[in-house]
Structure formats: C-alpha cells, structure tokens
Amino acid sequence: ALEQWVPAGRRLVLVDVENLVGGSS
C-alpha cells in the first residue's frame, strides 16, 4: 500500500546516462 499522500501509480524513473549511451564521452 502507498502512503496516504502518494498519488496512485507514482513511479520512480532512474537512468544511468553513461550506460544508456555507451560511455562518458
């Protein structure tokens, strides 16, 4: 169950940019 103040369906989206694009350069 979500806490009372949390909207239904709330999602946390986390992205590692370097992993996504294949490097730091």
PDB file of all heavy atoms in Angstrom:
ATOM      1  N   ALA A   1       0.831  -1.193   0.000  1.00  0.00           N
ATOM      2  CA  ALA A   1       0.000   0.000   0.000  1.00  0.00           C
ATOM      3  C   ALA A   1       0.872   1.252   0.000  1.00  0.00           C
ATOM      4  O   ALA A   1       1.908   1.302   0.672  1.00  0.00           O
ATOM      5  CB  ALA A   1      -0.915  -0.013   1.214  1.00  0.00           C
ATOM      6  N   LEU A   2       0.453   2.252  -0.760  1.00  0.00           N
ATOM      7  CA  LEU A   2       1.172   3.524  -0.788  1.00  0.00           C
ATOM      8  C   LEU A   2       0.726   4.386   0.384  1.00  0.00           C
ATOM      9  O   LEU A   2      -0.385   4.256   0.904  1.00  0.00           O
ATOM     10  CB  LEU A   2       0.884   4.254  -2.095  1.00  0.00           C
ATOM     11  CG  LEU A   2       1.343   3.557  -3.379  1.00  0.00           C
ATOM     12  CD1 LEU A   2       0.887   4.360  -4.594  1.00  0.00           C
ATOM     13  CD2 LEU A   2       2.845   3.374  -3.393  1.00  0.00           C
ATOM     14  N   GLU A   3       1.613   5.259   0.817  1.00  0.00           N
ATOM     15  CA  GLU A   3       1.255   6.191   1.875  1.00  0.00           C
ATOM     16  C   GLU A   3       0.120   7.093   1.387  1.00  0.00           C
ATOM     17  O   GLU A   3      -0.067   7.303   0.195  1.00  0.00           O
ATOM     18  CB  GLU A   3       2.472   7.008   2.290  1.00  0.00           C
ATOM     19  CG  GLU A   3       3.552   6.151   2.947  1.00  0.00           C
ATOM     20  CD  GLU A   3       4.705   6.969   3.497  1.00  0.00           C
ATOM     21  OE1 GLU A   3       4.623   8.209   3.470  1.00  0.00           O
ATOM     22  OE2 GLU A   3       5.686   6.369   3.965  1.00  0.00           O
ATOM     23  N   GLN A   4      -0.612   7.657   2.337  1.00  0.00           N
ATOM     24  CA  GLN A   4      -1.845   8.371   2.020  1.00  0.00           C
ATOM     25  C   GLN A   4      -1.616   9.520   1.047  1.00  0.00           C
ATOM     26  O   GLN A   4      -2.455   9.800   0.190  1.00  0.00           O
ATOM     27  CB  GLN A   4      -2.472   8.895   3.317  1.00  0.00           C
ATOM     28  CG  GLN A   4      -3.825   9.560   3.104  1.00  0.00           C
ATOM     29  CD  GLN A   4      -4.440  10.009   4.413  1.00  0.00           C
ATOM     30  OE1 GLN A   4      -3.899   9.748   5.485  1.00  0.00           O
ATOM     31  NE2 GLN A   4      -5.571  10.685   4.332  1.00  0.00           N
ATOM     32  N   TRP A   5      -0.491  10.214   1.143  1.00  0.00           N
ATOM     33  CA  TRP A   5      -0.258  11.396   0.317  1.00  0.00           C
ATOM     34  C   TRP A   5       0.256  11.067  -1.082  1.00  0.00           C
ATOM     35  O   TRP A   5       0.336  11.941  -1.944  1.00  0.00           O
ATOM     36  CB  TRP A   5       0.741  12.334   0.994  1.00  0.00           C
ATOM     37  CG  TRP A   5       2.089  11.707   1.277  1.00  0.00           C
ATOM     38  CD1 TRP A   5       2.469  11.077   2.422  1.00  0.00           C
ATOM     39  CD2 TRP A   5       3.215  11.660   0.403  1.00  0.00           C
ATOM     40  NE1 TRP A   5       3.762  10.626   2.324  1.00  0.00           N
ATOM     41  CE2 TRP A   5       4.248  10.969   1.095  1.00  0.00           C
ATOM     42  CE3 TRP A   5       3.462  12.117  -0.889  1.00  0.00           C
ATOM     43  CZ2 TRP A   5       5.495  10.734   0.528  1.00  0.00           C
ATOM     44  CZ3 TRP A   5       4.710  11.875  -1.453  1.00  0.00           C
ATOM     45  CH2 TRP A   5       5.709  11.196  -0.749  1.00  0.00           C
ATOM     46  N   VAL A   6       0.590   9.786  -1.322  1.00  0.00           N
ATOM     47  CA  VAL A   6       1.217   9.408  -2.584  1.00  0.00           C
ATOM     48  C   VAL A   6       0.159   9.186  -3.669  1.00  0.00           C
ATOM     49  O   VAL A   6      -0.766   8.396  -3.473  1.00  0.00           O
ATOM     50  CB  VAL A   6       2.054   8.124  -2.415  1.00  0.00           C
ATOM     51  CG1 VAL A   6       2.672   7.701  -3.749  1.00  0.00           C
ATOM     52  CG2 VAL A   6       3.142   8.335  -1.373  1.00  0.00           C
ATOM     53  N   PRO A   7       0.277   9.839  -4.824  1.00  0.00           N
ATOM     54  CA  PRO A   7      -0.689   9.620  -5.910  1.00  0.00           C
ATOM     55  C   PRO A   7      -0.623   8.185  -6.432  1.00  0.00           C
ATOM     56  O   PRO A   7       0.456   7.586  -6.488  1.00  0.00           O
ATOM     57  CB  PRO A   7      -0.231  10.607  -7.002  1.00  0.00           C
ATOM     58  CG  PRO A   7       0.639  11.597  -6.300  1.00  0.00           C
ATOM     59  CD  PRO A   7       1.283  10.857  -5.172  1.00  0.00           C
ATOM     60  N   ALA A   8      -1.753   7.641  -6.805  1.00  0.00           N
ATOM     61  CA  ALA A   8      -1.798   6.290  -7.352  1.00  0.00           C
ATOM     62  C   ALA A   8      -0.950   6.201  -8.619  1.00  0.00           C
ATOM     63  O   ALA A   8      -0.953   7.114  -9.450  1.00  0.00           O
ATOM     64  CB  ALA A   8      -3.239   5.907  -7.666  1.00  0.00           C
ATOM     65  N   GLY A   9      -0.218   5.114  -8.762  1.00  0.00           N
ATOM     66  CA  GLY A   9       0.574   4.892  -9.961  1.00  0.00           C
ATOM     67  C   GLY A   9       1.886   5.647 -10.001  1.00  0.00           C
ATOM     68  O   GLY A   9       2.561   5.672 -11.036  1.00  0.00           O
ATOM     69  N   ARG A  10       2.271   6.267  -8.920  1.00  0.00           N
ATOM     70  CA  ARG A  10       3.511   7.066  -8.877  1.00  0.00           C
ATOM     71  C   ARG A  10       4.718   6.176  -9.156  1.00  0.00           C
ATOM     72  O   ARG A  10       4.872   5.109  -8.573  1.00  0.00           O
ATOM     73  CB  ARG A  10       3.640   7.711  -7.511  1.00  0.00           C
ATOM     74  CG  ARG A  10       4.743   8.765  -7.386  1.00  0.00           C
ATOM     75  CD  ARG A  10       4.629   9.416  -6.026  1.00  0.00           C
ATOM     76  NE  ARG A  10       5.511  10.561  -5.891  1.00  0.00           N
ATOM     77  CZ  ARG A  10       6.413  10.666  -4.924  1.00  0.00           C
ATOM     78  NH1 ARG A  10       6.557   9.705  -4.037  1.00  0.00           N
ATOM     79  NH2 ARG A  10       7.173  11.739  -4.848  1.00  0.00           N
ATOM     80  N   ARG A  11       5.606   6.627 -10.042  1.00  0.00           N
ATOM     81  CA  ARG A  11       6.731   5.807 -10.481  1.00  0.00           C
ATOM     82  C   ARG A  11       8.050   6.551 -10.299  1.00  0.00           C
ATOM     83  O   ARG A  11       8.125   7.767 -10.487  1.00  0.00           O
ATOM     84  CB  ARG A  11       6.564   5.434 -11.952  1.00  0.00           C
ATOM     85  CG  ARG A  11       5.206   4.834 -12.293  1.00  0.00           C
ATOM     86  CD  ARG A  11       5.049   4.623 -13.784  1.00  0.00           C
ATOM     87  NE  ARG A  11       5.247   5.847 -14.529  1.00  0.00           N
ATOM     88  CZ  ARG A  11       5.262   5.913 -15.862  1.00  0.00           C
ATOM     89  NH1 ARG A  11       5.082   4.816 -16.558  1.00  0.00           N
ATOM     90  NH2 ARG A  11       5.447   7.058 -16.480  1.00  0.00           N
ATOM     91  N   LEU A  12       9.068   5.821  -9.970  1.00  0.00           N
ATOM     92  CA  LEU A  12      10.421   6.371  -9.862  1.00  0.00           C
ATOM     93  C   LEU A  12      11.216   5.907 -11.075  1.00  0.00           C
ATOM     94  O   LEU A  12      11.386   4.711 -11.298  1.00  0.00           O
ATOM     95  CB  LEU A  12      11.091   5.869  -8.586  1.00  0.00           C
ATOM     96  CG  LEU A  12      12.547   6.275  -8.361  1.00  0.00           C
ATOM     97  CD1 LEU A  12      12.680   7.785  -8.262  1.00  0.00           C
ATOM     98  CD2 LEU A  12      13.099   5.608  -7.111  1.00  0.00           C
ATOM     99  N   VAL A  13      11.684   6.849 -11.882  1.00  0.00           N
ATOM    100  CA  VAL A  13      12.411   6.537 -13.111  1.00  0.00           C
ATOM    101  C   VAL A  13      13.863   6.954 -12.931  1.00  0.00           C
ATOM    102  O   VAL A  13      14.157   8.150 -12.765  1.00  0.00           O
ATOM    103  CB  VAL A  13      11.795   7.256 -14.331  1.00  0.00           C
ATOM    104  CG1 VAL A  13      12.503   6.827 -15.610  1.00  0.00           C
ATOM    105  CG2 VAL A  13      10.302   6.973 -14.418  1.00  0.00           C
ATOM    106  N   LEU A  14      14.767   5.990 -12.945  1.00  0.00           N
ATOM    107  CA  LEU A  14      16.189   6.228 -12.710  1.00  0.00           C
ATOM    108  C   LEU A  14      16.977   5.815 -13.942  1.00  0.00           C
ATOM    109  O   LEU A  14      16.835   4.692 -14.427  1.00  0.00           O
ATOM    110  CB  LEU A  14      16.672   5.428 -11.509  1.00  0.00           C
ATOM    111  CG  LEU A  14      15.928   5.665 -10.187  1.00  0.00           C
ATOM    112  CD1 LEU A  14      16.450   4.707  -9.120  1.00  0.00           C
ATOM    113  CD2 LEU A  14      16.075   7.112  -9.732  1.00  0.00           C
ATOM    114  N   VAL A  15      17.854   6.703 -14.431  1.00  0.00           N
ATOM    115  CA  VAL A  15      18.586   6.416 -15.668  1.00  0.00           C
ATOM    116  C   VAL A  15      20.077   6.711 -15.473  1.00  0.00           C
ATOM    117  O   VAL A  15      20.449   7.821 -15.061  1.00  0.00           O
ATOM    118  CB  VAL A  15      18.062   7.253 -16.847  1.00  0.00           C
ATOM    119  CG1 VAL A  15      18.727   6.800 -18.148  1.00  0.00           C
ATOM    120  CG2 VAL A  15      16.548   7.163 -16.956  1.00  0.00           C
ATOM    121  N   ASP A  16      20.903   5.737 -15.804  1.00  0.00           N
ATOM    122  CA  ASP A  16      22.353   5.925 -15.867  1.00  0.00           C
ATOM    123  C   ASP A  16      22.677   6.367 -17.293  1.00  0.00           C
ATOM    124  O   ASP A  16      22.607   5.572 -18.229  1.00  0.00           O
ATOM    125  CB  ASP A  16      23.065   4.612 -15.523  1.00  0.00           C
ATOM    126  CG  ASP A  16      24.579   4.734 -15.566  1.00  0.00           C
ATOM    127  OD1 ASP A  16      25.106   5.647 -16.217  1.00  0.00           O
ATOM    128  OD2 ASP A  16      25.248   3.878 -14.950  1.00  0.00           O
ATOM    129  N   VAL A  17      23.012   7.635 -17.451  1.00  0.00           N
ATOM    130  CA  VAL A  17      23.205   8.191 -18.790  1.00  0.00           C
ATOM    131  C   VAL A  17      24.335   7.482 -19.527  1.00  0.00           C
ATOM    132  O   VAL A  17      24.220   7.152 -20.716  1.00  0.00           O
ATOM    133  CB  VAL A  17      23.492   9.706 -18.723  1.00  0.00           C
ATOM    134  CG1 VAL A  17      23.603  10.284 -20.130  1.00  0.00           C
ATOM    135  CG2 VAL A  17      22.407  10.425 -17.943  1.00  0.00           C
ATOM    136  N   GLU A  18      25.430   7.230 -18.848  1.00  0.00           N
ATOM    137  CA  GLU A  18      26.589   6.617 -19.497  1.00  0.00           C
ATOM    138  C   GLU A  18      26.296   5.194 -19.948  1.00  0.00           C
ATOM    139  O   GLU A  18      26.746   4.762 -21.013  1.00  0.00           O
ATOM    140  CB  GLU A  18      27.780   6.661 -18.534  1.00  0.00           C
ATOM    141  CG  GLU A  18      28.261   8.082 -18.300  1.00  0.00           C
ATOM    142  CD  GLU A  18      28.996   8.268 -16.993  1.00  0.00           C
ATOM    143  OE1 GLU A  18      28.907   7.377 -16.121  1.00  0.00           O
ATOM    144  OE2 GLU A  18      29.656   9.297 -16.832  1.00  0.00           O
ATOM    145  N   ASN A  19      25.522   4.467 -19.168  1.00  0.00           N
ATOM    146  CA  ASN A  19      25.132   3.123 -19.577  1.00  0.00           C
ATOM    147  C   ASN A  19      24.213   3.180 -20.788  1.00  0.00           C
ATOM    148  O   ASN A  19      24.310   2.354 -21.700  1.00  0.00           O
ATOM    149  CB  ASN A  19      24.435   2.404 -18.418  1.00  0.00           C
ATOM    150  CG  ASN A  19      24.125   0.964 -18.722  1.00  0.00           C
ATOM    151  OD1 ASN A  19      23.084   0.649 -19.299  1.00  0.00           O
ATOM    152  ND2 ASN A  19      25.012   0.071 -18.337  1.00  0.00           N
ATOM    153  N   LEU A  20      23.364   4.187 -20.830  1.00  0.00           N
ATOM    154  CA  LEU A  20      22.403   4.322 -21.925  1.00  0.00           C
ATOM    155  C   LEU A  20      23.083   4.630 -23.250  1.00  0.00           C
ATOM    156  O   LEU A  20      22.701   4.102 -24.295  1.00  0.00           O
ATOM    157  CB  LEU A  20      21.397   5.424 -21.581  1.00  0.00           C
ATOM    158  CG  LEU A  20      20.291   5.700 -22.590  1.00  0.00           C
ATOM    159  CD1 LEU A  20      19.354   4.502 -22.718  1.00  0.00           C
ATOM    160  CD2 LEU A  20      19.503   6.950 -22.186  1.00  0.00           C
ATOM    161  N   VAL A  21      24.107   5.499 -23.218  1.00  0.00           N
ATOM    162  CA  VAL A  21      24.717   5.953 -24.466  1.00  0.00           C
ATOM    163  C   VAL A  21      26.076   5.316 -24.752  1.00  0.00           C
ATOM    164  O   VAL A  21      26.699   5.626 -25.766  1.00  0.00           O
ATOM    165  CB  VAL A  21      24.856   7.489 -24.488  1.00  0.00           C
ATOM    166  CG1 VAL A  21      23.497   8.142 -24.337  1.00  0.00           C
ATOM    167  CG2 VAL A  21      25.827   7.989 -23.425  1.00  0.00           C
ATOM    168  N   GLY A  22      26.540   4.448 -23.860  1.00  0.00           N
ATOM    169  CA  GLY A  22      27.743   3.684 -24.160  1.00  0.00           C
ATOM    170  C   GLY A  22      29.055   4.323 -23.774  1.00  0.00           C
ATOM    171  O   GLY A  22      30.095   3.990 -24.339  1.00  0.00           O
ATOM    172  N   GLY A  23      29.054   5.238 -22.816  1.00  0.00           N
ATOM    173  CA  GLY A  23      30.305   5.814 -22.366  1.00  0.00           C
ATOM    174  C   GLY A  23      30.152   7.229 -21.868  1.00  0.00           C
ATOM    175  O   GLY A  23      29.082   7.832 -21.963  1.00  0.00           O
ATOM    176  N   SER A  24      31.244   7.778 -21.340  1.00  0.00           N
ATOM    177  CA  SER A  24      31.204   9.099 -20.731  1.00  0.00           C
ATOM    178  C   SER A  24      31.623  10.224 -21.674  1.00  0.00           C
ATOM    179  O   SER A  24      31.578  11.393 -21.303  1.00  0.00           O
ATOM    180  CB  SER A  24      32.120   9.128 -19.496  1.00  0.00           C
ATOM    181  OG  SER A  24      33.459   8.853 -19.874  1.00  0.00           O
ATOM    182  N   SER A  25      32.019   9.872 -22.897  1.00  0.00           N
ATOM    183  CA  SER A  25      32.498  10.892 -23.817  1.00  0.00           C
ATOM    184  C   SER A  25      31.490  11.224 -24.916  1.00  0.00           C
ATOM    185  O   SER A  25      31.829  11.845 -25.917  1.00  0.00           O
ATOM    186  CB  SER A  25      33.816  10.442 -24.463  1.00  0.00           C
ATOM    187  OG  SER A  25      33.626   9.233 -25.180  1.00  0.00           O
TER     188      SER A  25
END
